Amino acid sequence: MSRLRFPCKIENGKLTLLNRAEFDNAVANLSGEYYLELNETGVRSAQQNNYYWKIVDLLAEDLGYTNQEMHQAIKDHFNIDSTKVLTTKEFSQFIERIIRWAAIDLNVVIPDVKTLLQSS
């Protein structure tokens, strides 16, 4: 079975799932013994976020999508439900995968972070 991840929040010692319906749906047909593991999320940096959205803008313009359509297409292609739950390291790796995918499959060269962010 693949790893299941569900964003949650803990406040005052109480765990709250951010999408309870998604969690309930995922575990509805499971049985057996499992481990529940909590990992603190690292919030991506503002620079990572800005770079990601510049990449989305660039790809959307090149491929004829809106930004939101391109964002969804990227998530669908990489089988990611939400980029919000990625740690800083995971988000960096995600961006690297997008850059390789764009170059190899889409024939689009993504400029490095410094170049792309300075072009605004």
PDB file of N, CA and C in Angstrom:
ATOM      1  N   MET A   1       0.848  -1.179   0.000  1.00  0.00           N
ATOM      2  CA  MET A   1       0.000   0.000   0.000  1.00  0.00           C
ATOM      3  C   MET A   1       0.894   1.243   0.000  1.00  0.00           C
ATOM      4  N   SER A   2       0.471   2.230  -0.742  1.00  0.00           N
ATOM      5  CA  SER A   2       1.224   3.478  -0.754  1.00  0.00           C
ATOM      6  C   SER A   2       0.993   4.240   0.549  1.00  0.00           C
ATOM      7  N   ARG A   3       1.866   5.163   0.788  1.00  0.00           N
ATOM      8  CA  ARG A   3       1.785   5.968   2.003  1.00  0.00           C
ATOM      9  C   ARG A   3       0.612   6.937   1.901  1.00  0.00           C
ATOM     10  N   LEU A   4      -0.173   7.006   2.929  1.00  0.00           N
ATOM     11  CA  LEU A   4      -1.288   7.948   2.982  1.00  0.00           C
ATOM     12  C   LEU A   4      -0.876   9.136   3.818  1.00  0.00           C
ATOM     13  N   ARG A   5      -1.174  10.332   3.324  1.00  0.00           N
ATOM     14  CA  ARG A   5      -0.835  11.560   4.052  1.00  0.00           C
ATOM     15  C   ARG A   5      -2.058  12.446   4.089  1.00  0.00           C
ATOM     16  N   PHE A   6      -2.329  12.968   5.261  1.00  0.00           N
ATOM     17  CA  PHE A   6      -3.480  13.848   5.436  1.00  0.00           C
ATOM     18  C   PHE A   6      -3.056  15.052   6.262  1.00  0.00           C
ATOM     19  N   PRO A   7      -3.233  16.242   5.728  1.00  0.00           N
ATOM     20  CA  PRO A   7      -2.874  17.419   6.505  1.00  0.00           C
ATOM     21  C   PRO A   7      -3.738  17.536   7.752  1.00  0.00           C
ATOM     22  N   CYS A   8      -3.106  17.900   8.844  1.00  0.00           N
ATOM     23  CA  CYS A   8      -3.835  18.066  10.096  1.00  0.00           C
ATOM     24  C   CYS A   8      -3.226  19.228  10.864  1.00  0.00           C
ATOM     25  N   LYS A   9      -3.916  19.596  11.907  1.00  0.00           N
ATOM     26  CA  LYS A   9      -3.455  20.686  12.766  1.00  0.00           C
ATOM     27  C   LYS A   9      -3.627  20.217  14.198  1.00  0.00           C
ATOM     28  N   ILE A  10      -2.660  20.570  15.038  1.00  0.00           N
ATOM     29  CA  ILE A  10      -2.775  20.241  16.456  1.00  0.00           C
ATOM     30  C   ILE A  10      -2.760  21.545  17.236  1.00  0.00           C
ATOM     31  N   GLU A  11      -3.811  21.750  17.994  1.00  0.00           N
ATOM     32  CA  GLU A  11      -3.922  22.923  18.856  1.00  0.00           C
ATOM     33  C   GLU A  11      -4.430  22.482  20.217  1.00  0.00           C
ATOM     34  N   ASN A  12      -3.749  22.934  21.247  1.00  0.00           N
ATOM     35  CA  ASN A  12      -4.132  22.605  22.624  1.00  0.00           C
ATOM     36  C   ASN A  12      -4.264  21.102  22.829  1.00  0.00           C
ATOM     37  N   GLY A  13      -3.355  20.341  22.203  1.00  0.00           N
ATOM     38  CA  GLY A  13      -3.357  18.897  22.379  1.00  0.00           C
ATOM     39  C   GLY A  13      -4.436  18.159  21.607  1.00  0.00           C
ATOM     40  N   LYS A  14      -5.167  18.846  20.750  1.00  0.00           N
ATOM     41  CA  LYS A  14      -6.248  18.206  19.985  1.00  0.00           C
ATOM     42  C   LYS A  14      -5.890  18.200  18.499  1.00  0.00           C
ATOM     43  N   LEU A  15      -5.957  17.011  17.875  1.00  0.00           N
ATOM     44  CA  LEU A  15      -5.662  16.852  16.459  1.00  0.00           C
ATOM     45  C   LEU A  15      -6.939  17.047  15.646  1.00  0.00           C
ATOM     46  N   THR A  16      -6.838  17.859  14.610  1.00  0.00           N
ATOM     47  CA  THR A  16      -7.964  18.085  13.702  1.00  0.00           C
ATOM     48  C   THR A  16      -7.486  17.816  12.289  1.00  0.00           C
ATOM     49  N   LEU A  17      -8.182  16.929  11.571  1.00  0.00           N
ATOM     50  CA  LEU A  17      -7.872  16.680  10.170  1.00  0.00           C
ATOM     51  C   LEU A  17      -8.429  17.832   9.346  1.00  0.00           C
ATOM     52  N   LEU A  18      -7.641  18.334   8.417  1.00  0.00           N
ATOM     53  CA  LEU A  18      -8.079  19.479   7.629  1.00  0.00           C
ATOM     54  C   LEU A  18      -9.080  19.087   6.545  1.00  0.00           C
ATOM     55  N   ASN A  19      -9.099  17.806   6.182  1.00  0.00           N
ATOM     56  CA  ASN A  19     -10.107  17.314   5.248  1.00  0.00           C
ATOM     57  C   ASN A  19     -10.593  15.958   5.739  1.00  0.00           C
ATOM     58  N   ARG A  20     -11.508  15.995   6.674  1.00  0.00           N
ATOM     59  CA  ARG A  20     -11.988  14.761   7.322  1.00  0.00           C
ATOM     60  C   ARG A  20     -12.639  13.806   6.331  1.00  0.00           C
ATOM     61  N   ALA A  21     -13.387  14.336   5.359  1.00  0.00           N
ATOM     62  CA  ALA A  21     -14.066  13.482   4.376  1.00  0.00           C
ATOM     63  C   ALA A  21     -13.048  12.687   3.554  1.00  0.00           C
ATOM     64  N   GLU A  22     -11.948  13.334   3.165  1.00  0.00           N
ATOM     65  CA  GLU A  22     -10.905  12.650   2.401  1.00  0.00           C
ATOM     66  C   GLU A  22     -10.283  11.520   3.226  1.00  0.00           C
ATOM     67  N   PHE A  23     -10.030  11.789   4.501  1.00  0.00           N
ATOM     68  CA  PHE A  23      -9.482  10.773   5.397  1.00  0.00           C
ATOM     69  C   PHE A  23     -10.452   9.601   5.541  1.00  0.00           C
ATOM     70  N   ASP A  24     -11.717   9.900   5.837  1.00  0.00           N
ATOM     71  CA  ASP A  24     -12.726   8.851   6.013  1.00  0.00           C
ATOM     72  C   ASP A  24     -12.855   7.987   4.767  1.00  0.00           C
ATOM     73  N   ASN A  25     -12.831   8.632   3.598  1.00  0.00           N
ATOM     74  CA  ASN A  25     -12.938   7.904   2.333  1.00  0.00           C
ATOM     75  C   ASN A  25     -11.738   6.984   2.125  1.00  0.00           C
ATOM     76  N   ALA A  26     -10.556   7.459   2.465  1.00  0.00           N
ATOM     77  CA  ALA A  26      -9.328   6.685   2.261  1.00  0.00           C
ATOM     78  C   ALA A  26      -9.252   5.461   3.158  1.00  0.00           C
ATOM     79  N   VAL A  27      -9.780   5.549   4.356  1.00  0.00           N
ATOM     80  CA  VAL A  27      -9.670   4.424   5.291  1.00  0.00           C
ATOM     81  C   VAL A  27     -10.935   3.563   5.352  1.00  0.00           C
ATOM     82  N   ALA A  28     -11.947   3.922   4.599  1.00  0.00           N
ATOM     83  CA  ALA A  28     -13.242   3.228   4.664  1.00  0.00           C
ATOM     84  C   ALA A  28     -13.126   1.725   4.417  1.00  0.00           C
ATOM     85  N   ASN A  29     -12.277   1.311   3.502  1.00  0.00           N
ATOM     86  CA  ASN A  29     -12.187  -0.111   3.138  1.00  0.00           C
ATOM     87  C   ASN A  29     -10.928  -0.792   3.658  1.00  0.00           C
ATOM     88  N   LEU A  30     -10.219  -0.136   4.562  1.00  0.00           N
ATOM     89  CA  LEU A  30      -9.018  -0.732   5.130  1.00  0.00           C
ATOM     90  C   LEU A  30      -9.356  -1.595   6.333  1.00  0.00           C
ATOM     91  N   SER A  31      -8.514  -2.578   6.571  1.00  0.00           N
ATOM     92  CA  SER A  31      -8.605  -3.350   7.809  1.00  0.00           C
ATOM     93  C   SER A  31      -7.197  -3.822   8.139  1.00  0.00           C
ATOM     94  N   GLY A  32      -6.969  -4.149   9.370  1.00  0.00           N
ATOM     95  CA  GLY A  32      -5.644  -4.578   9.774  1.00  0.00           C
ATOM     96  C   GLY A  32      -5.009  -3.578  10.718  1.00  0.00           C
ATOM     97  N   GLU A  33      -3.714  -3.749  10.936  1.00  0.00           N
ATOM     98  CA  GLU A  33      -2.995  -2.893  11.857  1.00  0.00           C
ATOM     99  C   GLU A  33      -2.109  -1.925  11.090  1.00  0.00           C
ATOM    100  N   TYR A  34      -2.071  -0.698  11.558  1.00  0.00           N
ATOM    101  CA  TYR A  34      -1.299   0.365  10.905  1.00  0.00           C
ATOM    102  C   TYR A  34      -0.596   1.202  11.960  1.00  0.00           C
ATOM    103  N   TYR A  35       0.386   1.980  11.526  1.00  0.00           N
ATOM    104  CA  TYR A  35       1.017   2.977  12.371  1.00  0.00           C
ATOM    105  C   TYR A  35       0.522   4.338  11.923  1.00  0.00           C
ATOM    106  N   LEU A  36       0.286   5.190  12.867  1.00  0.00           N
ATOM    107  CA  LEU A  36      -0.023   6.578  12.570  1.00  0.00           C
ATOM    108  C   LEU A  36       1.228   7.375  12.905  1.00  0.00           C
ATOM    109  N   GLU A  37       1.740   8.097  11.931  1.00  0.00           N
ATOM    110  CA  GLU A  37       2.983   8.844  12.113  1.00  0.00           C
ATOM    111  C   GLU A  37       2.702  10.314  11.858  1.00  0.00           C
ATOM    112  N   LEU A  38       3.144  11.156  12.773  1.00  0.00           N
ATOM    113  CA  LEU A  38       2.985  12.599  12.597  1.00  0.00           C
ATOM    114  C   LEU A  38       4.326  13.200  12.217  1.00  0.00           C
ATOM    115  N   ASN A  39       4.335  13.998  11.163  1.00  0.00           N
ATOM    116  CA  ASN A  39       5.526  14.704  10.734  1.00  0.00           C
ATOM    117  C   ASN A  39       5.206  16.183  10.680  1.00  0.00           C
ATOM    118  N   GLU A  40       6.045  16.956  11.330  1.00  0.00           N
ATOM    119  CA  GLU A  40       5.842  18.400  11.293  1.00  0.00           C
ATOM    120  C   GLU A  40       6.136  18.893   9.884  1.00  0.00           C
ATOM    121  N   THR A  41       5.241  19.715   9.363  1.00  0.00           N
ATOM    122  CA  THR A  41       5.455  20.240   8.019  1.00  0.00           C
ATOM    123  C   THR A  41       6.353  21.450   8.091  1.00  0.00           C
ATOM    124  N   GLY A  42       7.208  21.552   7.120  1.00  0.00           N
ATOM    125  CA  GLY A  42       8.032  22.741   6.977  1.00  0.00           C
ATOM    126  C   GLY A  42       7.352  23.639   5.967  1.00  0.00           C
ATOM    127  N   VAL A  43       7.168  24.846   6.301  1.00  0.00           N
ATOM    128  CA  VAL A  43       6.496  25.763   5.399  1.00  0.00           C
ATOM    129  C   VAL A  43       7.485  26.192   4.334  1.00  0.00           C
ATOM    130  N   ARG A  44       7.054  26.088   3.088  1.00  0.00           N
ATOM    131  CA  ARG A  44       7.949  26.513   2.011  1.00  0.00           C
ATOM    132  C   ARG A  44       8.228  28.001   2.132  1.00  0.00           C
ATOM    133  N   SER A  45       9.387  28.376   1.656  1.00  0.00           N
ATOM    134  CA  SER A  45       9.779  29.775   1.767  1.00  0.00           C
ATOM    135  C   SER A  45       8.996  30.622   0.761  1.00  0.00           C
ATOM    136  N   ALA A  46       8.983  31.914   1.021  1.00  0.00           N
ATOM    137  CA  ALA A  46       8.319  32.843   0.097  1.00  0.00           C
ATOM    138  C   ALA A  46       9.002  32.780  -1.264  1.00  0.00           C
ATOM    139  N   GLN A  47      10.336  32.634  -1.272  1.00  0.00           N
ATOM    140  CA  GLN A  47      11.057  32.552  -2.541  1.00  0.00           C
ATOM    141  C   GLN A  47      10.664  31.290  -3.308  1.00  0.00           C
ATOM    142  N   GLN A  48      10.535  30.147  -2.611  1.00  0.00           N
ATOM    143  CA  GLN A  48      10.103  28.922  -3.270  1.00  0.00           C
ATOM    144  C   GLN A  48       8.710  29.100  -3.862  1.00  0.00           C
ATOM    145  N   ASN A  49       7.827  29.686  -3.087  1.00  0.00           N
ATOM    146  CA  ASN A  49       6.458  29.892  -3.545  1.00  0.00           C
ATOM    147  C   ASN A  49       6.423  30.811  -4.774  1.00  0.00           C
ATOM    148  N   ASN A  50       7.176  31.914  -4.719  1.00  0.00           N
ATOM    149  CA  ASN A  50       7.221  32.838  -5.850  1.00  0.00           C
ATOM    150  C   ASN A  50       7.795  32.157  -7.097  1.00  0.00           C
ATOM    151  N   TYR A  51       8.853  31.391  -6.919  1.00  0.00           N
ATOM    152  CA  TYR A  51       9.472  30.684  -8.039  1.00  0.00           C
ATOM    153  C   TYR A  51       8.499  29.689  -8.646  1.00  0.00           C
ATOM    154  N   TYR A  52       7.822  28.928  -7.795  1.00  0.00           N
ATOM    155  CA  TYR A  52       6.842  27.953  -8.287  1.00  0.00           C
ATOM    156  C   TYR A  52       5.784  28.639  -9.149  1.00  0.00           C
ATOM    157  N   TRP A  53       5.225  29.744  -8.657  1.00  0.00           N
ATOM    158  CA  TRP A  53       4.159  30.407  -9.406  1.00  0.00           C
ATOM    159  C   TRP A  53       4.670  31.085 -10.670  1.00  0.00           C
ATOM    160  N   LYS A  54       5.943  31.499 -10.693  1.00  0.00           N
ATOM    161  CA  LYS A  54       6.538  31.996 -11.934  1.00  0.00           C
ATOM    162  C   LYS A  54       6.654  30.856 -12.946  1.00  0.00           C
ATOM    163  N   ILE A  55       7.032  29.671 -12.466  1.00  0.00           N
ATOM    164  CA  ILE A  55       7.095  28.493 -13.338  1.00  0.00           C
ATOM    165  C   ILE A  55       5.702  28.184 -13.887  1.00  0.00           C
ATOM    166  N   VAL A  56       4.707  28.194 -13.012  1.00  0.00           N
ATOM    167  CA  VAL A  56       3.327  27.954 -13.440  1.00  0.00           C
ATOM    168  C   VAL A  56       2.924  28.981 -14.496  1.00  0.00           C
ATOM    169  N   ASP A  57       3.210  30.262 -14.246  1.00  0.00           N
ATOM    170  CA  ASP A  57       2.893  31.321 -15.213  1.00  0.00           C
ATOM    171  C   ASP A  57       3.541  31.050 -16.565  1.00  0.00           C
ATOM    172  N   LEU A  58       4.832  30.719 -16.533  1.00  0.00           N
ATOM    173  CA  LEU A  58       5.588  30.479 -17.757  1.00  0.00           C
ATOM    174  C   LEU A  58       5.004  29.310 -18.546  1.00  0.00           C
ATOM    175  N   LEU A  59       4.740  28.203 -17.859  1.00  0.00           N
ATOM    176  CA  LEU A  59       4.183  27.025 -18.526  1.00  0.00           C
ATOM    177  C   LEU A  59       2.762  27.288 -19.028  1.00  0.00           C
ATOM    178  N   ALA A  60       1.966  27.963 -18.219  1.00  0.00           N
ATOM    179  CA  ALA A  60       0.589  28.263 -18.620  1.00  0.00           C
ATOM    180  C   ALA A  60       0.576  29.102 -19.891  1.00  0.00           C
ATOM    181  N   GLU A  61       1.415  30.118 -19.926  1.00  0.00           N
ATOM    182  CA  GLU A  61       1.480  30.987 -21.106  1.00  0.00           C
ATOM    183  C   GLU A  61       1.953  30.205 -22.331  1.00  0.00           C
ATOM    184  N   ASP A  62       2.971  29.384 -22.153  1.00  0.00           N
ATOM    185  CA  ASP A  62       3.532  28.621 -23.261  1.00  0.00           C
ATOM    186  C   ASP A  62       2.564  27.564 -23.790  1.00  0.00           C
ATOM    187  N   LEU A  63       1.791  26.958 -22.887  1.00  0.00           N
ATOM    188  CA  LEU A  63       0.918  25.846 -23.268  1.00  0.00           C
ATOM    189  C   LEU A  63      -0.544  26.241 -23.456  1.00  0.00           C
ATOM    190  N   GLY A  64      -0.884  27.507 -23.166  1.00  0.00           N
ATOM    191  CA  GLY A  64      -2.244  27.976 -23.393  1.00  0.00           C
ATOM    192  C   GLY A  64      -3.236  27.635 -22.297  1.00  0.00           C
ATOM    193  N   TYR A  65      -2.760  27.533 -21.064  1.00  0.00           N
ATOM    194  CA  TYR A  65      -3.619  27.268 -19.917  1.00  0.00           C
ATOM    195  C   TYR A  65      -3.752  28.535 -19.073  1.00  0.00           C
ATOM    196  N   THR A  66      -4.754  28.558 -18.213  1.00  0.00           N
ATOM    197  CA  THR A  66      -4.779  29.571 -17.163  1.00  0.00           C
ATOM    198  C   THR A  66      -3.808  29.104 -16.081  1.00  0.00           C
ATOM    199  N   ASN A  67      -3.455  29.990 -15.170  1.00  0.00           N
ATOM    200  CA  ASN A  67      -2.546  29.596 -14.084  1.00  0.00           C
ATOM    201  C   ASN A  67      -3.129  28.472 -13.246  1.00  0.00           C
ATOM    202  N   GLN A  68      -4.411  28.568 -12.921  1.00  0.00           N
ATOM    203  CA  GLN A  68      -5.029  27.525 -12.097  1.00  0.00           C
ATOM    204  C   GLN A  68      -5.118  26.201 -12.841  1.00  0.00           C
ATOM    205  N   GLU A  69      -5.401  26.239 -14.136  1.00  0.00           N
ATOM    206  CA  GLU A  69      -5.427  24.998 -14.928  1.00  0.00           C
ATOM    207  C   GLU A  69      -4.031  24.365 -14.969  1.00  0.00           C
ATOM    208  N   MET A  70      -3.004  25.199 -15.124  1.00  0.00           N
ATOM    209  CA  MET A  70      -1.636  24.685 -15.167  1.00  0.00           C
ATOM    210  C   MET A  70      -1.230  24.116 -13.818  1.00  0.00           C
ATOM    211  N   HIS A  71      -1.574  24.816 -12.746  1.00  0.00           N
ATOM    212  CA  HIS A  71      -1.292  24.325 -11.394  1.00  0.00           C
ATOM    213  C   HIS A  71      -1.931  22.947 -11.198  1.00  0.00           C
ATOM    214  N   GLN A  72      -3.181  22.800 -11.615  1.00  0.00           N
ATOM    215  CA  GLN A  72      -3.878  21.516 -11.478  1.00  0.00           C
ATOM    216  C   GLN A  72      -3.248  20.449 -12.369  1.00  0.00           C
ATOM    217  N   ALA A  73      -2.862  20.827 -13.586  1.00  0.00           N
ATOM    218  CA  ALA A  73      -2.215  19.872 -14.497  1.00  0.00           C
ATOM    219  C   ALA A  73      -0.898  19.367 -13.911  1.00  0.00           C
ATOM    220  N   ILE A  74      -0.144  20.258 -13.280  1.00  0.00           N
ATOM    221  CA  ILE A  74       1.110  19.856 -12.643  1.00  0.00           C
ATOM    222  C   ILE A  74       0.829  18.883 -11.496  1.00  0.00           C
ATOM    223  N   LYS A  75      -0.127  19.226 -10.654  1.00  0.00           N
ATOM    224  CA  LYS A  75      -0.463  18.336  -9.530  1.00  0.00           C
ATOM    225  C   LYS A  75      -0.942  16.980 -10.044  1.00  0.00           C
ATOM    226  N   ASP A  76      -1.755  16.986 -11.096  1.00  0.00           N
ATOM    227  CA  ASP A  76      -2.251  15.732 -11.667  1.00  0.00           C
ATOM    228  C   ASP A  76      -1.097  14.903 -12.236  1.00  0.00           C
ATOM    229  N   HIS A  77      -0.208  15.564 -12.966  1.00  0.00           N
ATOM    230  CA  HIS A  77       0.913  14.853 -13.592  1.00  0.00           C
ATOM    231  C   HIS A  77       1.801  14.184 -12.543  1.00  0.00           C
ATOM    232  N   PHE A  78       2.040  14.869 -11.436  1.00  0.00           N
ATOM    233  CA  PHE A  78       2.926  14.341 -10.400  1.00  0.00           C
ATOM    234  C   PHE A  78       2.165  13.643  -9.273  1.00  0.00           C
ATOM    235  N   ASN A  79       0.853  13.493  -9.462  1.00  0.00           N
ATOM    236  CA  ASN A  79       0.012  12.776  -8.499  1.00  0.00           C
ATOM    237  C   ASN A  79       0.152  13.351  -7.084  1.00  0.00           C
ATOM    238  N   ILE A  80      -0.021  14.668  -6.999  1.00  0.00           N
ATOM    239  CA  ILE A  80       0.053  15.373  -5.721  1.00  0.00           C
ATOM    240  C   ILE A  80      -1.301  16.023  -5.463  1.00  0.00           C
ATOM    241  N   ASP A  81      -1.885  15.711  -4.323  1.00  0.00           N
ATOM    242  CA  ASP A  81      -3.185  16.296  -3.986  1.00  0.00           C
ATOM    243  C   ASP A  81      -3.066  17.775  -3.648  1.00  0.00           C
ATOM    244  N   SER A  82      -2.032  18.113  -2.911  1.00  0.00           N
ATOM    245  CA  SER A  82      -1.866  19.497  -2.493  1.00  0.00           C
ATOM    246  C   SER A  82      -0.390  19.807  -2.305  1.00  0.00           C
ATOM    247  N   THR A  83       0.028  20.946  -2.804  1.00  0.00           N
ATOM    248  CA  THR A  83       1.414  21.370  -2.581  1.00  0.00           C
ATOM    249  C   THR A  83       1.577  21.993  -1.203  1.00  0.00           C
ATOM    250  N   LYS A  84       0.479  22.289  -0.547  1.00  0.00           N
ATOM    251  CA  LYS A  84       0.525  22.964   0.751  1.00  0.00           C
ATOM    252  C   LYS A  84       1.110  22.097   1.856  1.00  0.00           C
ATOM    253  N   VAL A  85       1.067  20.785   1.686  1.00  0.00           N
ATOM    254  CA  VAL A  85       1.547  19.892   2.741  1.00  0.00           C
ATOM    255  C   VAL A  85       2.999  19.480   2.554  1.00  0.00           C
ATOM    256  N   LEU A  86       3.626  19.940   1.466  1.00  0.00           N
ATOM    257  CA  LEU A  86       5.019  19.577   1.216  1.00  0.00           C
ATOM    258  C   LEU A  86       5.951  20.361   2.131  1.00  0.00           C
ATOM    259  N   THR A  87       6.945  19.672   2.651  1.00  0.00           N
ATOM    260  CA  THR A  87       7.962  20.353   3.447  1.00  0.00           C
ATOM    261  C   THR A  87       8.815  21.202   2.515  1.00  0.00           C
ATOM    262  N   THR A  88       9.667  22.021   3.082  1.00  0.00           N
ATOM    263  CA  THR A  88      10.559  22.850   2.284  1.00  0.00           C
ATOM    264  C   THR A  88      11.405  21.982   1.362  1.00  0.00           C
ATOM    265  N   LYS A  89      11.963  20.911   1.890  1.00  0.00           N
ATOM    266  CA  LYS A  89      12.784  20.003   1.085  1.00  0.00           C
ATOM    267  C   LYS A  89      11.952  19.321   0.003  1.00  0.00           C
ATOM    268  N   GLU A  90      10.787  18.806   0.364  1.00  0.00           N
ATOM    269  CA  GLU A  90       9.917  18.151  -0.613  1.00  0.00           C
ATOM    270  C   GLU A  90       9.489  19.118  -1.715  1.00  0.00           C
ATOM    271  N   PHE A  91       9.214  20.365  -1.337  1.00  0.00           N
ATOM    272  CA  PHE A  91       8.792  21.358  -2.321  1.00  0.00           C
ATOM    273  C   PHE A  91       9.942  21.665  -3.281  1.00  0.00           C
ATOM    274  N   SER A  92      11.155  21.735  -2.765  1.00  0.00           N
ATOM    275  CA  SER A  92      12.334  21.955  -3.604  1.00  0.00           C
ATOM    276  C   SER A  92      12.505  20.809  -4.602  1.00  0.00           C
ATOM    277  N   GLN A  93      12.348  19.591  -4.133  1.00  0.00           N
ATOM    278  CA  GLN A  93      12.447  18.412  -5.010  1.00  0.00           C
ATOM    279  C   GLN A  93      11.321  18.415  -6.046  1.00  0.00           C
ATOM    280  N   PHE A  94      10.139  18.838  -5.638  1.00  0.00           N
ATOM    281  CA  PHE A  94       8.991  18.941  -6.540  1.00  0.00           C
ATOM    282  C   PHE A  94       9.298  19.933  -7.668  1.00  0.00           C
ATOM    283  N   ILE A  95       9.856  21.085  -7.335  1.00  0.00           N
ATOM    284  CA  ILE A  95      10.208  22.078  -8.344  1.00  0.00           C
ATOM    285  C   ILE A  95      11.252  21.508  -9.307  1.00  0.00           C
ATOM    286  N   GLU A  96      12.245  20.795  -8.786  1.00  0.00           N
ATOM    287  CA  GLU A  96      13.261  20.184  -9.638  1.00  0.00           C
ATOM    288  C   GLU A  96      12.633  19.189 -10.613  1.00  0.00           C
ATOM    289  N   ARG A  97      11.673  18.416 -10.144  1.00  0.00           N
ATOM    290  CA  ARG A  97      10.988  17.455 -11.017  1.00  0.00           C
ATOM    291  C   ARG A  97      10.196  18.181 -12.107  1.00  0.00           C
ATOM    292  N   ILE A  98       9.567  19.298 -11.760  1.00  0.00           N
ATOM    293  CA  ILE A  98       8.821  20.082 -12.746  1.00  0.00           C
ATOM    294  C   ILE A  98       9.767  20.613 -13.823  1.00  0.00           C
ATOM    295  N   ILE A  99      10.922  21.107 -13.411  1.00  0.00           N
ATOM    296  CA  ILE A  99      11.902  21.651 -14.353  1.00  0.00           C
ATOM    297  C   ILE A  99      12.366  20.574 -15.332  1.00  0.00           C
ATOM    298  N   ARG A 100      12.665  19.377 -14.814  1.00  0.00           N
ATOM    299  CA  ARG A 100      13.084  18.269 -15.692  1.00  0.00           C
ATOM    300  C   ARG A 100      11.955  17.870 -16.640  1.00  0.00           C
ATOM    301  N   TRP A 101      10.733  17.750 -16.108  1.00  0.00           N
ATOM    302  CA  TRP A 101       9.567  17.384 -16.915  1.00  0.00           C
ATOM    303  C   TRP A 101       9.332  18.412 -18.018  1.00  0.00           C
ATOM    304  N   ALA A 102       9.413  19.687 -17.669  1.00  0.00           N
ATOM    305  CA  ALA A 102       9.202  20.746 -18.653  1.00  0.00           C
ATOM    306  C   ALA A 102      10.231  20.654 -19.772  1.00  0.00           C
ATOM    307  N   ALA A 103      11.486  20.427 -19.427  1.00  0.00           N
ATOM    308  CA  ALA A 103      12.552  20.362 -20.430  1.00  0.00           C
ATOM    309  C   ALA A 103      12.418  19.122 -21.315  1.00  0.00           C
ATOM    310  N   ILE A 104      12.178  17.976 -20.703  1.00  0.00           N
ATOM    311  CA  ILE A 104      12.172  16.712 -21.443  1.00  0.00           C
ATOM    312  C   ILE A 104      10.874  16.494 -22.212  1.00  0.00           C
ATOM    313  N   ASP A 105       9.747  16.643 -21.541  1.00  0.00           N
ATOM    314  CA  ASP A 105       8.455  16.308 -22.161  1.00  0.00           C
ATOM    315  C   ASP A 105       7.762  17.485 -22.843  1.00  0.00           C
ATOM    316  N   LEU A 106       7.984  18.700 -22.341  1.00  0.00           N
ATOM    317  CA  LEU A 106       7.261  19.852 -22.869  1.00  0.00           C
ATOM    318  C   LEU A 106       8.144  20.747 -23.735  1.00  0.00           C
ATOM    319  N   ASN A 107       9.449  20.446 -23.753  1.00  0.00           N
ATOM    320  CA  ASN A 107      10.408  21.238 -24.512  1.00  0.00           C
ATOM    321  C   ASN A 107      10.385  22.716 -24.104  1.00  0.00           C
ATOM    322  N   VAL A 108      10.241  22.943 -22.794  1.00  0.00           N
ATOM    323  CA  VAL A 108      10.233  24.292 -22.234  1.00  0.00           C
ATOM    324  C   VAL A 108      11.370  24.375 -21.221  1.00  0.00           C
ATOM    325  N   VAL A 109      12.243  25.346 -21.411  1.00  0.00           N
ATOM    326  CA  VAL A 109      13.362  25.539 -20.486  1.00  0.00           C
ATOM    327  C   VAL A 109      12.936  26.539 -19.423  1.00  0.00           C
ATOM    328  N   ILE A 110      13.035  26.126 -18.169  1.00  0.00           N
ATOM    329  CA  ILE A 110      12.686  26.978 -17.036  1.00  0.00           C
ATOM    330  C   ILE A 110      13.964  27.660 -16.550  1.00  0.00           C
ATOM    331  N   PRO A 111      14.000  28.980 -16.526  1.00  0.00           N
ATOM    332  CA  PRO A 111      15.193  29.679 -16.019  1.00  0.00           C
ATOM    333  C   PRO A 111      15.408  29.383 -14.531  1.00  0.00           C
ATOM    334  N   ASP A 112      16.647  29.560 -14.083  1.00  0.00           N
ATOM    335  CA  ASP A 112      16.930  29.347 -12.664  1.00  0.00           C
ATOM    336  C   ASP A 112      16.175  30.383 -11.827  1.00  0.00           C
ATOM    337  N   VAL A 113      16.122  30.140 -10.543  1.00  0.00           N
ATOM    338  CA  VAL A 113      15.313  30.954  -9.638  1.00  0.00           C
ATOM    339  C   VAL A 113      15.694  32.431  -9.694  1.00  0.00           C
ATOM    340  N   LYS A 114      16.977  32.723  -9.677  1.00  0.00           N
ATOM    341  CA  LYS A 114      17.427  34.110  -9.671  1.00  0.00           C
ATOM    342  C   LYS A 114      16.988  34.827 -10.952  1.00  0.00           C
ATOM    343  N   THR A 115      17.201  34.194 -12.080  1.00  0.00           N
ATOM    344  CA  THR A 115      16.839  34.792 -13.379  1.00  0.00           C
ATOM    345  C   THR A 115      15.329  34.997 -13.486  1.00  0.00           C
ATOM    346  N   LEU A 116      14.573  33.985 -13.119  1.00  0.00           N
ATOM    347  CA  LEU A 116      13.115  34.065 -13.277  1.00  0.00           C
ATOM    348  C   LEU A 116      12.498  35.078 -12.336  1.00  0.00           C
ATOM    349  N   LEU A 117      12.976  35.151 -11.098  1.00  0.00           N
ATOM    350  CA  LEU A 117      12.402  36.101 -10.154  1.00  0.00           C
ATOM    351  C   LEU A 117      12.823  37.546 -10.445  1.00  0.00           C
ATOM    352  N   GLN A 118      13.983  37.732 -11.064  1.00  0.00           N
ATOM    353  CA  GLN A 118      14.402  39.071 -11.427  1.00  0.00           C
ATOM    354  C   GLN A 118      13.664  39.599 -12.640  1.00  0.00           C
ATOM    355  N   SER A 119      13.068  38.706 -13.415  1.00  0.00           N
ATOM    356  CA  SER A 119      12.385  39.119 -14.638  1.00  0.00           C
ATOM    357  C   SER A 119      11.016  39.730 -14.362  1.00  0.00           C
ATOM    358  N   SER A 120      10.607  39.805 -13.084  1.00  0.00           N
ATOM    359  CA  SER A 120       9.286  40.357 -12.793  1.00  0.00           C
ATOM    360  C   SER A 120       9.304  41.855 -12.739  1.00  0.00           C
TER     361      SER A 120
END
